[in-house]
Protein backbone atom coordinates (compact mmCIF):
# COMPACT_ATOMS: atom_id res chain seq x y z
CA MET A 1 74.12 129.72 -21.57
CA VAL A 2 76.31 127.03 -20.56
CA LYS A 3 80.01 128.82 -20.92
CA LYS A 4 82.73 126.15 -22.23
CA THR A 5 86.49 126.04 -21.10
CA LEU A 6 88.57 124.72 -23.58
CA PHE A 7 92.34 123.61 -22.53
CA ARG A 8 94.92 123.25 -24.86
CA LEU A 9 97.55 120.28 -23.78
CA GLU A 10 100.67 120.83 -26.03
CA PHE A 11 103.93 118.68 -25.27
CA GLU A 12 107.19 120.00 -24.47
CA THR A 13 110.06 118.33 -24.97
CA GLU A 14 113.78 117.99 -23.27
CA PHE A 15 115.41 116.97 -26.14
CA ARG A 16 117.54 119.37 -28.66
CA VAL A 17 117.17 117.93 -32.63
CA VAL A 18 120.68 117.62 -35.07
CA GLY A 19 120.02 116.15 -38.27
CA VAL A 20 122.61 114.94 -40.16
CA PHE A 21 123.72 113.91 -43.28
CA CYS A 22 126.03 111.48 -43.84
CA PRO A 23 125.62 107.74 -46.12
CA GLU A 24 127.74 105.83 -43.90
CA LYS A 25 125.72 102.73 -42.21
CA ASP A 26 124.65 103.40 -38.66
CA TYR A 27 127.27 101.44 -36.90
CA ARG A 28 129.67 102.72 -39.09
CA PHE A 29 128.61 106.86 -38.15
CA CYS A 30 128.68 105.61 -34.32
CA TRP A 31 132.22 104.24 -34.86
CA LEU A 32 133.16 107.69 -36.44
CA LEU A 33 131.36 109.60 -33.58
CA ASN A 34 133.10 107.61 -31.05
CA ASN A 35 136.19 107.86 -32.45
CA LYS A 36 136.81 111.26 -33.28
CA LEU A 37 134.82 112.95 -31.67
CA ASP A 38 135.22 111.00 -27.98
CA PHE A 39 131.90 110.01 -27.38
CA ASN A 40 130.92 106.14 -26.56
CA PHE A 41 127.31 105.07 -28.90
CA ARG A 42 126.21 101.81 -27.80
CA ARG A 43 123.43 99.64 -29.35
CA ALA A 44 119.87 100.27 -27.81
CA PRO A 45 116.75 98.39 -28.37
CA ASP A 46 115.26 99.35 -32.40
CA PHE A 47 112.85 102.28 -31.78
CA MET A 48 109.36 101.22 -33.66
CA ASP A 49 107.44 103.45 -35.38
CA ILE A 50 103.81 103.03 -35.75
CA THR A 51 102.73 106.03 -37.03
CA GLY A 52 103.71 104.76 -40.63
CA LYS A 53 101.44 104.55 -43.47
CA SER A 54 102.43 100.89 -43.49
CA GLU A 55 100.52 97.78 -42.04
CA ASN A 56 104.00 96.79 -40.20
CA ALA A 57 106.33 98.90 -37.86
CA ASP A 58 109.14 100.21 -39.13
CA LEU A 59 112.23 99.71 -36.88
CA HIS A 60 114.75 102.36 -36.67
CA SER A 61 117.97 101.16 -35.17
CA VAL A 62 118.99 103.65 -31.79
CA TYR A 63 121.96 104.20 -29.88
CA LEU A 64 122.80 106.03 -26.92
CA TYR A 65 125.51 107.60 -25.42
CA GLU A 66 125.12 108.83 -21.64
CA ARG A 67 127.67 111.51 -20.28
CA GLU A 68 126.56 111.30 -16.28
CA SER A 69 128.92 113.92 -15.20
CA LEU A 70 127.58 116.12 -17.11
CA GLN A 71 124.18 115.68 -17.40
CA ARG A 72 123.99 114.60 -20.76
CA THR A 73 122.27 112.11 -23.25
CA TYR A 74 122.47 111.44 -26.88
CA PHE A 75 120.44 109.65 -29.01
CA LEU A 76 121.26 108.77 -32.44
CA VAL A 77 118.01 107.47 -34.83
CA ASN A 78 118.62 106.12 -37.96
CA ASN A 79 116.06 107.90 -39.93
CA ARG A 80 115.95 105.03 -42.59
CA SER A 81 114.01 101.60 -41.11
CA SER A 82 115.31 98.46 -41.79
CA GLU A 83 112.79 98.35 -44.74
CA GLY A 84 114.00 101.84 -45.98
CA ARG A 85 110.91 103.55 -44.84
CA ARG A 86 112.19 106.98 -43.52
CA LEU A 87 110.53 108.38 -39.97
CA PHE A 88 110.80 111.83 -41.75
CA GLY A 89 110.57 113.18 -45.49
CA ASN A 90 111.92 116.43 -45.07
CA PRO A 91 114.32 117.48 -45.31
CA ALA A 92 115.28 115.71 -47.66
CA GLY A 93 117.95 113.19 -47.56
CA LEU A 94 118.08 113.53 -44.22
CA ASP A 95 120.04 110.28 -43.25
CA PHE A 96 120.21 110.63 -38.79
CA LEU A 97 118.24 112.70 -36.04
CA LEU A 98 120.39 113.35 -33.15
CA LEU A 99 118.42 113.49 -30.05
CA VAL A 100 120.57 115.96 -27.54
CA LYS A 101 119.13 115.60 -23.94
CA ALA A 102 121.32 118.74 -22.15
CA ASP A 103 121.31 121.80 -20.13
CA ASP A 104 121.10 124.13 -23.09
CA SER A 105 122.39 126.93 -20.72
CA ARG A 106 125.36 124.82 -20.49
CA PHE A 107 125.65 122.56 -23.51
CA ASP A 108 127.56 125.04 -27.07
CA TYR A 109 125.16 123.26 -29.87
CA ASN A 110 127.32 125.32 -32.24
CA GLN A 111 130.86 123.32 -30.97
CA LEU A 112 128.91 119.80 -31.44
CA LEU A 113 127.94 121.00 -35.08
CA LYS A 114 130.84 122.31 -35.91
CA LYS A 115 133.07 119.29 -34.95
CA ILE A 116 130.61 116.89 -36.90
CA ARG A 117 130.00 118.89 -39.79
CA ALA A 118 134.29 118.67 -39.36
CA LEU A 119 134.22 114.95 -39.99
CA PRO A 120 134.84 114.17 -44.13
CA GLN A 121 131.90 111.47 -44.08
CA VAL A 122 129.55 114.27 -43.22
CA THR A 123 127.65 115.97 -45.84
CA ALA A 124 125.57 118.12 -43.48
CA ALA A 125 124.71 119.21 -39.68
CA TYR A 126 122.22 121.56 -38.67
CA MET A 127 119.73 121.89 -35.79
CA LEU A 128 116.33 120.47 -37.22
CA ASP A 129 114.06 121.79 -34.26
CA ASP A 130 111.53 123.76 -36.22
CA ALA A 131 112.33 122.30 -39.57
CA LEU A 132 110.84 118.49 -39.18
CA GLY A 133 106.82 119.69 -39.43
CA LYS A 134 103.86 118.57 -37.69
CA ASN A 135 105.29 114.88 -37.50
CA LYS A 136 108.51 116.07 -35.17
CA ASP A 137 105.49 116.43 -31.63
CA ALA A 138 104.07 112.81 -32.38
CA PHE A 139 107.53 111.32 -32.74
CA LEU A 140 109.31 112.91 -30.12
CA TYR A 141 106.34 111.65 -27.77
CA ASP A 142 106.37 108.11 -28.97
CA PHE A 143 110.28 108.69 -28.28
CA GLU A 144 109.42 109.03 -24.50
CA VAL A 145 107.06 106.55 -24.23
CA TYR A 146 110.00 104.18 -25.64
CA LEU A 147 112.34 105.86 -23.66
CA SER A 148 110.61 104.77 -20.25
CA GLN A 149 109.32 101.21 -21.76
CA GLU A 150 112.65 100.12 -23.71
CA LEU A 151 115.33 101.75 -21.43
CA LYS A 152 113.48 102.38 -17.88
CA MET A 153 115.14 105.48 -17.33
């Protein structure tokens, strides 16, 4: 009898995901974050979502802020494409994904959420690490590939 060994490979990401509900345009929301929270988001090349059911790839705007002294990187990804399709349908009404790459032991996510929620234009903001469902891992893998190709990190 032949013995079979199965290996299960799971993708581990360094990102934590914050969901932001804000009806503002992406450039306006970045301006708010830059002015009110002392960030410095800059436009990055668009993220191309090829996992959608449409024939064409969806382009989602991406903004990047890197704080090298604290070894933190923030990516703000518009959940809606230029054609109006969404990366994630659940939770309903999600406008932006704020991907945070930081050392969890030295970063206070509750403080970040508190500051974002204090913006009058923001309806809600909370951690989405487990709320995005099964598509989260595929998205984060594709986003890591995007980072390696587009941003040459």
